[in-house]
């Protein structure tokens, strides 16, 4: 065989010493999925809560949220996006008349 026969852009086999480190973000996602899954035991859910609390140094509440992670919740919403959403609600035939009226009022307040 010549060197040309051994050449390939495609890796044929993963070596045993390949990087097999777990990605911490994927581990966190797995634990959050365990907490959300109704088919997992209470013990498994509690274990996942403890792992998340210990690994992230952030307490985890019962709603599966790591407290302090979402910093963007205090930011104001873009008025243009809010107006577009309200207009979409007003024109959506699947929205109730009561909800349409509330959307119209909010849009008037926003534009007013």
PDB file of N, CA and C in Angstrom:
ATOM      1  N   UNK A   1       0.825  -1.186   0.000  1.00  0.00           N
ATOM      2  CA  UNK A   1       0.000   0.000   0.000  1.00  0.00           C
ATOM      3  C   UNK A   1       0.863   1.241   0.000  1.00  0.00           C
ATOM      4  N   UNK A   2       0.445   2.230  -0.736  1.00  0.00           N
ATOM      5  CA  UNK A   2       1.179   3.487  -0.771  1.00  0.00           C
ATOM      6  C   UNK A   2       0.568   4.457   0.217  1.00  0.00           C
ATOM      7  N   UNK A   3       1.289   5.547   0.449  1.00  0.00           N
ATOM      8  CA  UNK A   3       0.768   6.558   1.375  1.00  0.00           C
ATOM      9  C   UNK A   3      -0.552   7.129   0.893  1.00  0.00           C
ATOM     10  N   UNK A   4      -0.728   7.162  -0.401  1.00  0.00           N
ATOM     11  CA  UNK A   4      -1.961   7.715  -0.956  1.00  0.00           C
ATOM     12  C   UNK A   4      -3.156   6.841  -0.583  1.00  0.00           C
ATOM     13  N   UNK A   5      -2.949   5.543  -0.455  1.00  0.00           N
ATOM     14  CA  UNK A   5      -4.045   4.646  -0.094  1.00  0.00           C
ATOM     15  C   UNK A   5      -4.476   4.831   1.363  1.00  0.00           C
ATOM     16  N   UNK A   6      -3.573   5.291   2.214  1.00  0.00           N
ATOM     17  CA  UNK A   6      -3.880   5.489   3.630  1.00  0.00           C
ATOM     18  C   UNK A   6      -4.477   6.858   3.914  1.00  0.00           C
ATOM     19  N   UNK A   7      -4.504   7.721   2.928  1.00  0.00           N
ATOM     20  CA  UNK A   7      -4.971   9.085   3.125  1.00  0.00           C
ATOM     21  C   UNK A   7      -6.495   9.133   3.089  1.00  0.00           C
ATOM     22  N   UNK A   8      -7.057   9.855   4.038  1.00  0.00           N
ATOM     23  CA  UNK A   8      -8.498  10.074   4.048  1.00  0.00           C
ATOM     24  C   UNK A   8      -8.799  11.299   4.885  1.00  0.00           C
ATOM     25  N   UNK A   9      -9.756  12.068   4.446  1.00  0.00           N
ATOM     26  CA  UNK A   9     -10.204  13.218   5.228  1.00  0.00           C
ATOM     27  C   UNK A   9     -11.129  12.788   6.359  1.00  0.00           C
ATOM     28  N   UNK A  10     -11.643  11.572   6.263  1.00  0.00           N
ATOM     29  CA  UNK A  10     -12.591  11.070   7.242  1.00  0.00           C
ATOM     30  C   UNK A  10     -11.846  10.235   8.269  1.00  0.00           C
ATOM     31  N   UNK A  11     -12.026  10.578   9.533  1.00  0.00           N
ATOM     32  CA  UNK A  11     -11.382   9.805  10.587  1.00  0.00           C
ATOM     33  C   UNK A  11     -12.059   8.441  10.669  1.00  0.00           C
ATOM     34  N   UNK A  12     -11.267   7.401  10.651  1.00  0.00           N
ATOM     35  CA  UNK A  12     -11.810   6.049  10.602  1.00  0.00           C
ATOM     36  C   UNK A  12     -12.185   5.510  11.971  1.00  0.00           C
ATOM     37  N   UNK A  13     -11.452   5.891  12.987  1.00  0.00           N
ATOM     38  CA  UNK A  13     -11.686   5.338  14.307  1.00  0.00           C
ATOM     39  C   UNK A  13     -11.298   6.367  15.356  1.00  0.00           C
ATOM     40  N   UNK A  14     -12.030   6.394  16.441  1.00  0.00           N
ATOM     41  CA  UNK A  14     -11.708   7.298  17.533  1.00  0.00           C
ATOM     42  C   UNK A  14     -10.762   6.566  18.465  1.00  0.00           C
ATOM     43  N   UNK A  15      -9.650   7.172  18.746  1.00  0.00           N
ATOM     44  CA  UNK A  15      -8.674   6.522  19.610  1.00  0.00           C
ATOM     45  C   UNK A  15      -9.179   6.492  21.049  1.00  0.00           C
ATOM     46  N   UNK A  16      -8.646   5.574  21.836  1.00  0.00           N
ATOM     47  CA  UNK A  16      -9.075   5.419  23.217  1.00  0.00           C
ATOM     48  C   UNK A  16      -8.718   6.619  24.081  1.00  0.00           C
ATOM     49  N   UNK A  17      -7.649   7.306  23.717  1.00  0.00           N
ATOM     50  CA  UNK A  17      -7.225   8.448  24.507  1.00  0.00           C
ATOM     51  C   UNK A  17      -7.840   9.757  24.008  1.00  0.00           C
ATOM     52  N   UNK A  18      -8.883   9.644  23.197  1.00  0.00           N
ATOM     53  CA  UNK A  18      -9.551  10.843  22.682  1.00  0.00           C
ATOM     54  C   UNK A  18     -10.210  11.594  23.838  1.00  0.00           C
ATOM     55  N   UNK A  19     -10.460  12.856  23.614  1.00  0.00           N
ATOM     56  CA  UNK A  19     -11.066  13.712  24.641  1.00  0.00           C
ATOM     57  C   UNK A  19     -12.472  13.221  24.953  1.00  0.00           C
ATOM     58  N   UNK A  20     -12.660  12.699  26.148  1.00  0.00           N
ATOM     59  CA  UNK A  20     -13.969  12.183  26.548  1.00  0.00           C
ATOM     60  C   UNK A  20     -14.524  12.959  27.733  1.00  0.00           C
ATOM     61  N   UNK A  21     -13.993  14.146  27.963  1.00  0.00           N
ATOM     62  CA  UNK A  21     -14.489  14.982  29.059  1.00  0.00           C
ATOM     63  C   UNK A  21     -15.957  15.320  28.818  1.00  0.00           C
ATOM     64  N   UNK A  22     -16.728  15.322  29.875  1.00  0.00           N
ATOM     65  CA  UNK A  22     -18.132  15.690  29.766  1.00  0.00           C
ATOM     66  C   UNK A  22     -18.247  17.204  29.734  1.00  0.00           C
ATOM     67  N   UNK A  23     -19.110  17.685  28.873  1.00  0.00           N
ATOM     68  CA  UNK A  23     -19.363  19.114  28.798  1.00  0.00           C
ATOM     69  C   UNK A  23     -20.273  19.490  29.972  1.00  0.00           C
ATOM     70  N   UNK A  24     -19.823  20.392  30.857  1.00  0.00           N
ATOM     71  CA  UNK A  24     -20.638  20.734  32.040  1.00  0.00           C
ATOM     72  C   UNK A  24     -22.024  21.253  31.672  1.00  0.00           C
ATOM     73  N   UNK A  25     -22.128  21.999  30.596  1.00  0.00           N
ATOM     74  CA  UNK A  25     -23.446  22.519  30.201  1.00  0.00           C
ATOM     75  C   UNK A  25     -24.402  21.381  29.863  1.00  0.00           C
ATOM     76  N   UNK A  26     -23.902  20.353  29.185  1.00  0.00           N
ATOM     77  CA  UNK A  26     -24.761  19.213  28.861  1.00  0.00           C
ATOM     78  C   UNK A  26     -25.146  18.441  30.110  1.00  0.00           C
ATOM     79  N   UNK A  27     -24.239  18.362  31.072  1.00  0.00           N
ATOM     80  CA  UNK A  27     -24.556  17.704  32.340  1.00  0.00           C
ATOM     81  C   UNK A  27     -25.669  18.472  33.049  1.00  0.00           C
ATOM     82  N   UNK A  28     -25.569  19.805  33.082  1.00  0.00           N
ATOM     83  CA  UNK A  28     -26.613  20.621  33.711  1.00  0.00           C
ATOM     84  C   UNK A  28     -27.947  20.418  32.999  1.00  0.00           C
ATOM     85  N   UNK A  29     -27.909  20.385  31.679  1.00  0.00           N
ATOM     86  CA  UNK A  29     -29.146  20.177  30.918  1.00  0.00           C
ATOM     87  C   UNK A  29     -29.769  18.825  31.273  1.00  0.00           C
ATOM     88  N   UNK A  30     -28.931  17.813  31.413  1.00  0.00           N
ATOM     89  CA  UNK A  30     -29.448  16.492  31.774  1.00  0.00           C
ATOM     90  C   UNK A  30     -30.101  16.487  33.142  1.00  0.00           C
ATOM     91  N   UNK A  31     -29.474  17.174  34.102  1.00  0.00           N
ATOM     92  CA  UNK A  31     -30.067  17.233  35.443  1.00  0.00           C
ATOM     93  C   UNK A  31     -31.362  18.040  35.429  1.00  0.00           C
ATOM     94  N   UNK A  32     -31.396  19.119  34.660  1.00  0.00           N
ATOM     95  CA  UNK A  32     -32.636  19.899  34.571  1.00  0.00           C
ATOM     96  C   UNK A  32     -33.735  19.073  33.911  1.00  0.00           C
ATOM     97  N   UNK A  33     -33.362  18.255  32.921  1.00  0.00           N
ATOM     98  CA  UNK A  33     -34.347  17.381  32.270  1.00  0.00           C
ATOM     99  C   UNK A  33     -34.871  16.344  33.255  1.00  0.00           C
ATOM    100  N   UNK A  34     -33.992  15.827  34.097  1.00  0.00           N
ATOM    101  CA  UNK A  34     -34.409  14.852  35.105  1.00  0.00           C
ATOM    102  C   UNK A  34     -35.433  15.470  36.051  1.00  0.00           C
ATOM    103  N   UNK A  35     -35.193  16.706  36.459  1.00  0.00           N
ATOM    104  CA  UNK A  35     -36.116  17.380  37.370  1.00  0.00           C
ATOM    105  C   UNK A  35     -37.473  17.592  36.701  1.00  0.00           C
ATOM    106  N   UNK A  36     -37.475  17.897  35.416  1.00  0.00           N
ATOM    107  CA  UNK A  36     -38.721  18.189  34.698  1.00  0.00           C
ATOM    108  C   UNK A  36     -39.481  16.933  34.285  1.00  0.00           C
ATOM    109  N   UNK A  37     -38.813  15.800  34.212  1.00  0.00           N
ATOM    110  CA  UNK A  37     -39.428  14.581  33.703  1.00  0.00           C
ATOM    111  C   UNK A  37     -40.364  13.976  34.750  1.00  0.00           C
ATOM    112  N   UNK A  38     -41.651  13.843  34.434  1.00  0.00           N
ATOM    113  CA  UNK A  38     -42.592  13.281  35.411  1.00  0.00           C
ATOM    114  C   UNK A  38     -42.364  11.790  35.662  1.00  0.00           C
ATOM    115  N   UNK A  39     -41.587  11.116  34.817  1.00  0.00           N
ATOM    116  CA  UNK A  39     -41.363   9.683  34.962  1.00  0.00           C
ATOM    117  C   UNK A  39     -40.153   9.344  35.839  1.00  0.00           C
ATOM    118  N   UNK A  40     -39.440  10.337  36.343  1.00  0.00           N
ATOM    119  CA  UNK A  40     -38.291  10.059  37.208  1.00  0.00           C
ATOM    120  C   UNK A  40     -38.717  10.074  38.666  1.00  0.00           C
ATOM    121  N   UNK A  41     -37.984   9.346  39.474  1.00  0.00           N
ATOM    122  CA  UNK A  41     -38.330   9.224  40.890  1.00  0.00           C
ATOM    123  C   UNK A  41     -38.018  10.519  41.640  1.00  0.00           C
ATOM    124  N   UNK A  42     -38.621  10.643  42.815  1.00  0.00           N
ATOM    125  CA  UNK A  42     -38.357  11.812  43.660  1.00  0.00           C
ATOM    126  C   UNK A  42     -36.896  11.835  44.089  1.00  0.00           C
ATOM    127  N   UNK A  43     -36.334  10.660  44.330  1.00  0.00           N
ATOM    128  CA  UNK A  43     -34.930  10.581  44.741  1.00  0.00           C
ATOM    129  C   UNK A  43     -34.010  11.088  43.622  1.00  0.00           C
ATOM    130  N   UNK A  44     -34.308  10.709  42.389  1.00  0.00           N
ATOM    131  CA  UNK A  44     -33.492  11.159  41.259  1.00  0.00           C
ATOM    132  C   UNK A  44     -33.620  12.670  41.073  1.00  0.00           C
ATOM    133  N   UNK A  45     -34.828  13.172  41.248  1.00  0.00           N
ATOM    134  CA  UNK A  45     -35.030  14.617  41.114  1.00  0.00           C
ATOM    135  C   UNK A  45     -34.283  15.370  42.206  1.00  0.00           C
ATOM    136  N   UNK A  46     -34.334  14.853  43.430  1.00  0.00           N
ATOM    137  CA  UNK A  46     -33.627  15.517  44.529  1.00  0.00           C
ATOM    138  C   UNK A  46     -32.119  15.470  44.305  1.00  0.00           C
ATOM    139  N   UNK A  47     -31.623  14.351  43.799  1.00  0.00           N
ATOM    140  CA  UNK A  47     -30.200  14.238  43.496  1.00  0.00           C
ATOM    141  C   UNK A  47     -29.789  15.281  42.448  1.00  0.00           C
ATOM    142  N   UNK A  48     -30.598  15.409  41.410  1.00  0.00           N
ATOM    143  CA  UNK A  48     -30.288  16.383  40.363  1.00  0.00           C
ATOM    144  C   UNK A  48     -30.335  17.811  40.904  1.00  0.00           C
ATOM    145  N   UNK A  49     -31.291  18.100  41.791  1.00  0.00           N
ATOM    146  CA  UNK A  49     -31.346  19.434  42.400  1.00  0.00           C
ATOM    147  C   UNK A  49     -30.076  19.716  43.199  1.00  0.00           C
ATOM    148  N   UNK A  50     -29.634  18.715  43.947  1.00  0.00           N
ATOM    149  CA  UNK A  50     -28.430  18.894  44.759  1.00  0.00           C
ATOM    150  C   UNK A  50     -27.190  19.063  43.885  1.00  0.00           C
ATOM    151  N   UNK A  51     -27.098  18.286  42.810  1.00  0.00           N
ATOM    152  CA  UNK A  51     -25.949  18.419  41.910  1.00  0.00           C
ATOM    153  C   UNK A  51     -25.935  19.812  41.296  1.00  0.00           C
ATOM    154  N   UNK A  52     -27.088  20.273  40.852  1.00  0.00           N
ATOM    155  CA  UNK A  52     -27.140  21.615  40.255  1.00  0.00           C
ATOM    156  C   UNK A  52     -26.783  22.682  41.271  1.00  0.00           C
ATOM    157  N   UNK A  53     -27.275  22.535  42.489  1.00  0.00           N
ATOM    158  CA  UNK A  53     -26.977  23.530  43.521  1.00  0.00           C
ATOM    159  C   UNK A  53     -25.494  23.518  43.878  1.00  0.00           C
ATOM    160  N   UNK A  54     -24.884  22.342  43.946  1.00  0.00           N
ATOM    161  CA  UNK A  54     -23.474  22.235  44.311  1.00  0.00           C
ATOM    162  C   UNK A  54     -22.545  22.650  43.175  1.00  0.00           C
ATOM    163  N   UNK A  55     -22.853  22.230  41.977  1.00  0.00           N
ATOM    164  CA  UNK A  55     -21.958  22.484  40.844  1.00  0.00           C
ATOM    165  C   UNK A  55     -22.021  23.928  40.363  1.00  0.00           C
ATOM    166  N   UNK A  56     -23.190  24.529  40.431  1.00  0.00           N
ATOM    167  CA  UNK A  56     -23.340  25.889  39.915  1.00  0.00           C
ATOM    168  C   UNK A  56     -23.187  26.935  41.016  1.00  0.00           C
ATOM    169  N   UNK A  57     -23.101  26.480  42.268  1.00  0.00           N
ATOM    170  CA  UNK A  57     -23.049  27.387  43.423  1.00  0.00           C
ATOM    171  C   UNK A  57     -24.246  28.329  43.448  1.00  0.00           C
ATOM    172  N   UNK A  58     -25.330  27.899  42.856  1.00  0.00           N
ATOM    173  CA  UNK A  58     -26.566  28.662  42.847  1.00  0.00           C
ATOM    174  C   UNK A  58     -27.670  27.761  43.374  1.00  0.00           C
ATOM    175  N   UNK A  59     -28.514  28.241  44.274  1.00  0.00           N
ATOM    176  CA  UNK A  59     -29.624  27.407  44.745  1.00  0.00           C
ATOM    177  C   UNK A  59     -30.625  27.153  43.624  1.00  0.00           C
ATOM    178  N   UNK A  60     -31.193  25.969  43.620  1.00  0.00           N
ATOM    179  CA  UNK A  60     -32.182  25.597  42.615  1.00  0.00           C
ATOM    180  C   UNK A  60     -33.529  25.526  43.294  1.00  0.00           C
ATOM    181  N   UNK A  61     -34.518  26.224  42.735  1.00  0.00           N
ATOM    182  CA  UNK A  61     -35.833  26.189  43.356  1.00  0.00           C
ATOM    183  C   UNK A  61     -36.674  25.064  42.762  1.00  0.00           C
ATOM    184  N   UNK A  62     -37.871  24.887  43.280  1.00  0.00           N
ATOM    185  CA  UNK A  62     -38.731  23.789  42.867  1.00  0.00           C
ATOM    186  C   UNK A  62     -39.186  23.898  41.420  1.00  0.00           C
ATOM    187  N   UNK A  63     -39.129  25.081  40.840  1.00  0.00           N
ATOM    188  CA  UNK A  63     -39.586  25.249  39.466  1.00  0.00           C
ATOM    189  C   UNK A  63     -38.487  24.937  38.460  1.00  0.00           C
ATOM    190  N   UNK A  64     -37.384  24.321  38.915  1.00  0.00           N
ATOM    191  CA  UNK A  64     -36.312  23.881  38.030  1.00  0.00           C
ATOM    192  C   UNK A  64     -35.497  25.037  37.480  1.00  0.00           C
ATOM    193  N   UNK A  65     -35.511  26.153  38.157  1.00  0.00           N
ATOM    194  CA  UNK A  65     -34.726  27.293  37.699  1.00  0.00           C
ATOM    195  C   UNK A  65     -33.539  27.504  38.621  1.00  0.00           C
ATOM    196  N   UNK A  66     -32.406  27.754  38.018  1.00  0.00           N
ATOM    197  CA  UNK A  66     -31.252  28.128  38.815  1.00  0.00           C
ATOM    198  C   UNK A  66     -31.394  29.617  39.066  1.00  0.00           C
ATOM    199  N   UNK A  67     -31.538  29.985  40.312  1.00  0.00           N
ATOM    200  CA  UNK A  67     -31.771  31.383  40.640  1.00  0.00           C
ATOM    201  C   UNK A  67     -30.577  32.233  40.262  1.00  0.00           C
ATOM    202  N   UNK A  68     -30.861  33.376  39.694  1.00  0.00           N
ATOM    203  CA  UNK A  68     -29.804  34.310  39.358  1.00  0.00           C
ATOM    204  C   UNK A  68     -29.258  34.137  37.962  1.00  0.00           C
ATOM    205  N   UNK A  69     -29.718  33.152  37.215  1.00  0.00           N
ATOM    206  CA  UNK A  69     -29.165  32.913  35.888  1.00  0.00           C
ATOM    207  C   UNK A  69     -29.729  33.887  34.867  1.00  0.00           C
ATOM    208  N   UNK A  70     -31.006  34.142  34.925  1.00  0.00           N
ATOM    209  CA  UNK A  70     -31.620  35.029  33.936  1.00  0.00           C
ATOM    210  C   UNK A  70     -31.490  36.461  34.406  1.00  0.00           C
ATOM    211  N   UNK A  71     -30.629  37.183  33.763  1.00  0.00           N
ATOM    212  CA  UNK A  71     -30.418  38.574  34.135  1.00  0.00           C
ATOM    213  C   UNK A  71     -31.254  39.521  33.280  1.00  0.00           C
ATOM    214  N   UNK A  72     -31.767  39.016  32.172  1.00  0.00           N
ATOM    215  CA  UNK A  72     -32.471  39.886  31.241  1.00  0.00           C
ATOM    216  C   UNK A  72     -33.931  40.109  31.619  1.00  0.00           C
ATOM    217  N   UNK A  73     -34.419  39.537  32.722  1.00  0.00           N
ATOM    218  CA  UNK A  73     -35.827  39.671  33.064  1.00  0.00           C
ATOM    219  C   UNK A  73     -36.192  41.082  33.512  1.00  0.00           C
ATOM    220  N   UNK A  74     -35.213  41.876  33.982  1.00  0.00           N
ATOM    221  CA  UNK A  74     -35.502  43.227  34.431  1.00  0.00           C
ATOM    222  C   UNK A  74     -35.425  44.250  33.310  1.00  0.00           C
ATOM    223  N   UNK A  75     -34.972  43.830  32.151  1.00  0.00           N
ATOM    224  CA  UNK A  75     -34.877  44.753  31.037  1.00  0.00           C
ATOM    225  C   UNK A  75     -36.271  45.048  30.505  1.00  0.00           C
ATOM    226  N   UNK A  76     -36.427  46.242  29.971  1.00  0.00           N
ATOM    227  CA  UNK A  76     -37.709  46.605  29.396  1.00  0.00           C
ATOM    228  C   UNK A  76     -37.877  45.941  28.048  1.00  0.00           C
ATOM    229  N   UNK A  77     -39.110  45.610  27.726  1.00  0.00           N
ATOM    230  CA  UNK A  77     -39.389  44.992  26.439  1.00  0.00           C
ATOM    231  C   UNK A  77     -39.318  46.056  25.353  1.00  0.00           C
ATOM    232  N   UNK A  78     -38.943  45.624  24.172  1.00  0.00           N
ATOM    233  CA  UNK A  78     -38.885  46.520  23.030  1.00  0.00           C
ATOM    234  C   UNK A  78     -40.317  46.930  22.661  1.00  0.00           C
ATOM    235  N   UNK A  79     -40.625  48.235  22.723  1.00  0.00           N
ATOM    236  CA  UNK A  79     -41.992  48.677  22.445  1.00  0.00           C
ATOM    237  C   UNK A  79     -42.472  48.287  21.044  1.00  0.00           C
ATOM    238  N   UNK A  80     -41.563  48.266  20.089  1.00  0.00           N
ATOM    239  CA  UNK A  80     -41.947  47.857  18.735  1.00  0.00           C
ATOM    240  C   UNK A  80     -42.390  46.412  18.684  1.00  0.00           C
ATOM    241  N   UNK A  81     -41.663  45.540  19.404  1.00  0.00           N
ATOM    242  CA  UNK A  81     -42.051  44.128  19.439  1.00  0.00           C
ATOM    243  C   UNK A  81     -43.371  43.941  20.169  1.00  0.00           C
ATOM    244  N   UNK A  82     -43.567  44.701  21.245  1.00  0.00           N
ATOM    245  CA  UNK A  82     -44.825  44.612  21.997  1.00  0.00           C
ATOM    246  C   UNK A  82     -45.985  45.046  21.100  1.00  0.00           C
ATOM    247  N   UNK A  83     -45.809  46.142  20.381  1.00  0.00           N
ATOM    248  CA  UNK A  83     -46.866  46.638  19.489  1.00  0.00           C
ATOM    249  C   UNK A  83     -47.176  45.607  18.404  1.00  0.00           C
ATOM    250  N   UNK A  84     -46.136  44.996  17.829  1.00  0.00           N
ATOM    251  CA  UNK A  84     -46.374  43.979  16.797  1.00  0.00           C
ATOM    252  C   UNK A  84     -47.132  42.789  17.363  1.00  0.00           C
ATOM    253  N   UNK A  85     -46.785  42.375  18.578  1.00  0.00           N
ATOM    254  CA  UNK A  85     -47.497  41.259  19.202  1.00  0.00           C
ATOM    255  C   UNK A  85     -48.953  41.583  19.464  1.00  0.00           C
ATOM    256  N   UNK A  86     -49.208  42.803  19.921  1.00  0.00           N
ATOM    257  CA  UNK A  86     -50.600  43.216  20.172  1.00  0.00           C
ATOM    258  C   UNK A  86     -51.397  43.281  18.873  1.00  0.00           C
ATOM    259  N   UNK A  87     -50.773  43.813  17.816  1.00  0.00           N
ATOM    260  CA  UNK A  87     -51.446  43.879  16.513  1.00  0.00           C
ATOM    261  C   UNK A  87     -51.741  42.480  15.992  1.00  0.00           C
ATOM    262  N   UNK A  88     -50.816  41.563  16.206  1.00  0.00           N
ATOM    263  CA  UNK A  88     -51.043  40.180  15.777  1.00  0.00           C
ATOM    264  C   UNK A  88     -52.216  39.574  16.532  1.00  0.00           C
ATOM    265  N   UNK A  89     -52.316  39.864  17.822  1.00  0.00           N
ATOM    266  CA  UNK A  89     -53.440  39.346  18.610  1.00  0.00           C
ATOM    267  C   UNK A  89     -54.765  39.926  18.130  1.00  0.00           C
ATOM    268  N   UNK A  90     -54.751  41.207  17.803  1.00  0.00           N
ATOM    269  CA  UNK A  90     -55.982  41.872  17.341  1.00  0.00           C
ATOM    270  C   UNK A  90     -56.470  41.255  16.036  1.00  0.00           C
ATOM    271  N   UNK A  91     -55.544  40.899  15.149  1.00  0.00           N
ATOM    272  CA  UNK A  91     -55.915  40.385  13.827  1.00  0.00           C
ATOM    273  C   UNK A  91     -56.040  38.864  13.759  1.00  0.00           C
ATOM    274  N   UNK A  92     -55.755  38.170  14.847  1.00  0.00           N
ATOM    275  CA  UNK A  92     -55.826  36.717  14.855  1.00  0.00           C
ATOM    276  C   UNK A  92     -57.257  36.267  15.115  1.00  0.00           C
ATOM    277  N   UNK A  93     -57.814  35.521  14.177  1.00  0.00           N
ATOM    278  CA  UNK A  93     -59.217  35.094  14.308  1.00  0.00           C
ATOM    279  C   UNK A  93     -59.416  34.078  15.429  1.00  0.00           C
ATOM    280  N   UNK A  94     -58.337  33.457  15.905  1.00  0.00           N
ATOM    281  CA  UNK A  94     -58.445  32.464  16.975  1.00  0.00           C
ATOM    282  C   UNK A  94     -58.405  33.083  18.371  1.00  0.00           C
ATOM    283  N   UNK A  95     -58.235  34.398  18.444  1.00  0.00           N
ATOM    284  CA  UNK A  95     -58.199  35.098  19.723  1.00  0.00           C
ATOM    285  C   UNK A  95     -59.617  35.552  20.063  1.00  0.00           C
ATOM    286  N   UNK A  96     -59.993  35.406  21.328  1.00  0.00           N
ATOM    287  CA  UNK A  96     -61.358  35.774  21.736  1.00  0.00           C
ATOM    288  C   UNK A  96     -61.569  37.281  21.607  1.00  0.00           C
ATOM    289  N   UNK A  97     -62.836  37.673  21.522  1.00  0.00           N
ATOM    290  CA  UNK A  97     -63.170  39.094  21.411  1.00  0.00           C
ATOM    291  C   UNK A  97     -62.684  39.868  22.633  1.00  0.00           C
ATOM    292  N   UNK A  98     -62.802  39.254  23.801  1.00  0.00           N
ATOM    293  CA  UNK A  98     -62.360  39.912  25.031  1.00  0.00           C
ATOM    294  C   UNK A  98     -60.849  40.169  24.988  1.00  0.00           C
ATOM    295  N   UNK A  99     -60.089  39.179  24.551  1.00  0.00           N
ATOM    296  CA  UNK A  99     -58.634  39.338  24.463  1.00  0.00           C
ATOM    297  C   UNK A  99     -58.261  40.378  23.411  1.00  0.00           C
ATOM    298  N   UNK A 100     -59.026  40.418  22.327  1.00  0.00           N
ATOM    299  CA  UNK A 100     -58.764  41.435  21.284  1.00  0.00           C
ATOM    300  C   UNK A 100     -58.977  42.842  21.834  1.00  0.00           C
ATOM    301  N   UNK A 101     -60.041  43.014  22.610  1.00  0.00           N
ATOM    302  CA  UNK A 101     -60.314  44.325  23.200  1.00  0.00           C
ATOM    303  C   UNK A 101     -59.196  44.742  24.162  1.00  0.00           C
ATOM    304  N   UNK A 102     -58.725  43.786  24.973  1.00  0.00           N
ATOM    305  CA  UNK A 102     -57.622  44.104  25.886  1.00  0.00           C
ATOM    306  C   UNK A 102     -56.366  44.474  25.110  1.00  0.00           C
ATOM    307  N   UNK A 103     -56.120  43.770  24.012  1.00  0.00           N
ATOM    308  CA  UNK A 103     -54.947  44.066  23.190  1.00  0.00           C
ATOM    309  C   UNK A 103     -55.084  45.457  22.572  1.00  0.00           C
ATOM    310  N   UNK A 104     -56.293  45.807  22.147  1.00  0.00           N
ATOM    311  CA  UNK A 104     -56.518  47.154  21.573  1.00  0.00           C
ATOM    312  C   UNK A 104     -56.250  48.240  22.623  1.00  0.00           C
ATOM    313  N   UNK A 105     -56.728  47.989  23.860  1.00  0.00           N
ATOM    314  CA  UNK A 105     -56.498  48.965  24.936  1.00  0.00           C
ATOM    315  C   UNK A 105     -55.008  49.120  25.226  1.00  0.00           C
ATOM    316  N   UNK A 106     -54.295  48.004  25.325  1.00  0.00           N
ATOM    317  CA  UNK A 106     -52.870  48.059  25.590  1.00  0.00           C
ATOM    318  C   UNK A 106     -52.120  48.757  24.465  1.00  0.00           C
ATOM    319  N   UNK A 107     -52.549  48.524  23.231  1.00  0.00           N
ATOM    320  CA  UNK A 107     -51.903  49.156  22.090  1.00  0.00           C
ATOM    321  C   UNK A 107     -52.148  50.674  22.119  1.00  0.00           C
ATOM    322  N   UNK A 108     -53.373  51.065  22.464  1.00  0.00           N
ATOM    323  CA  UNK A 108     -53.669  52.505  22.581  1.00  0.00           C
ATOM    324  C   UNK A 108     -52.808  53.152  23.667  1.00  0.00           C
ATOM    325  N   UNK A 109     -52.683  52.476  24.805  1.00  0.00           N
ATOM    326  CA  UNK A 109     -51.851  52.982  25.895  1.00  0.00           C
ATOM    327  C   UNK A 109     -50.385  53.094  25.471  1.00  0.00           C
ATOM    328  N   UNK A 110     -49.931  52.108  24.722  1.00  0.00           N
ATOM    329  CA  UNK A 110     -48.548  52.078  24.273  1.00  0.00           C
ATOM    330  C   UNK A 110     -48.265  53.197  23.281  1.00  0.00           C
ATOM    331  N   UNK A 111     -49.204  53.421  22.374  1.00  0.00           N
ATOM    332  CA  UNK A 111     -49.021  54.452  21.351  1.00  0.00           C
ATOM    333  C   UNK A 111     -49.372  55.829  21.850  1.00  0.00           C
ATOM    334  N   UNK A 112     -50.229  55.887  22.873  1.00  0.00           N
ATOM    335  CA  UNK A 112     -50.767  57.147  23.366  1.00  0.00           C
ATOM    336  C   UNK A 112     -49.834  57.972  24.124  1.00  0.00           C
TER     337      UNK A 112
END
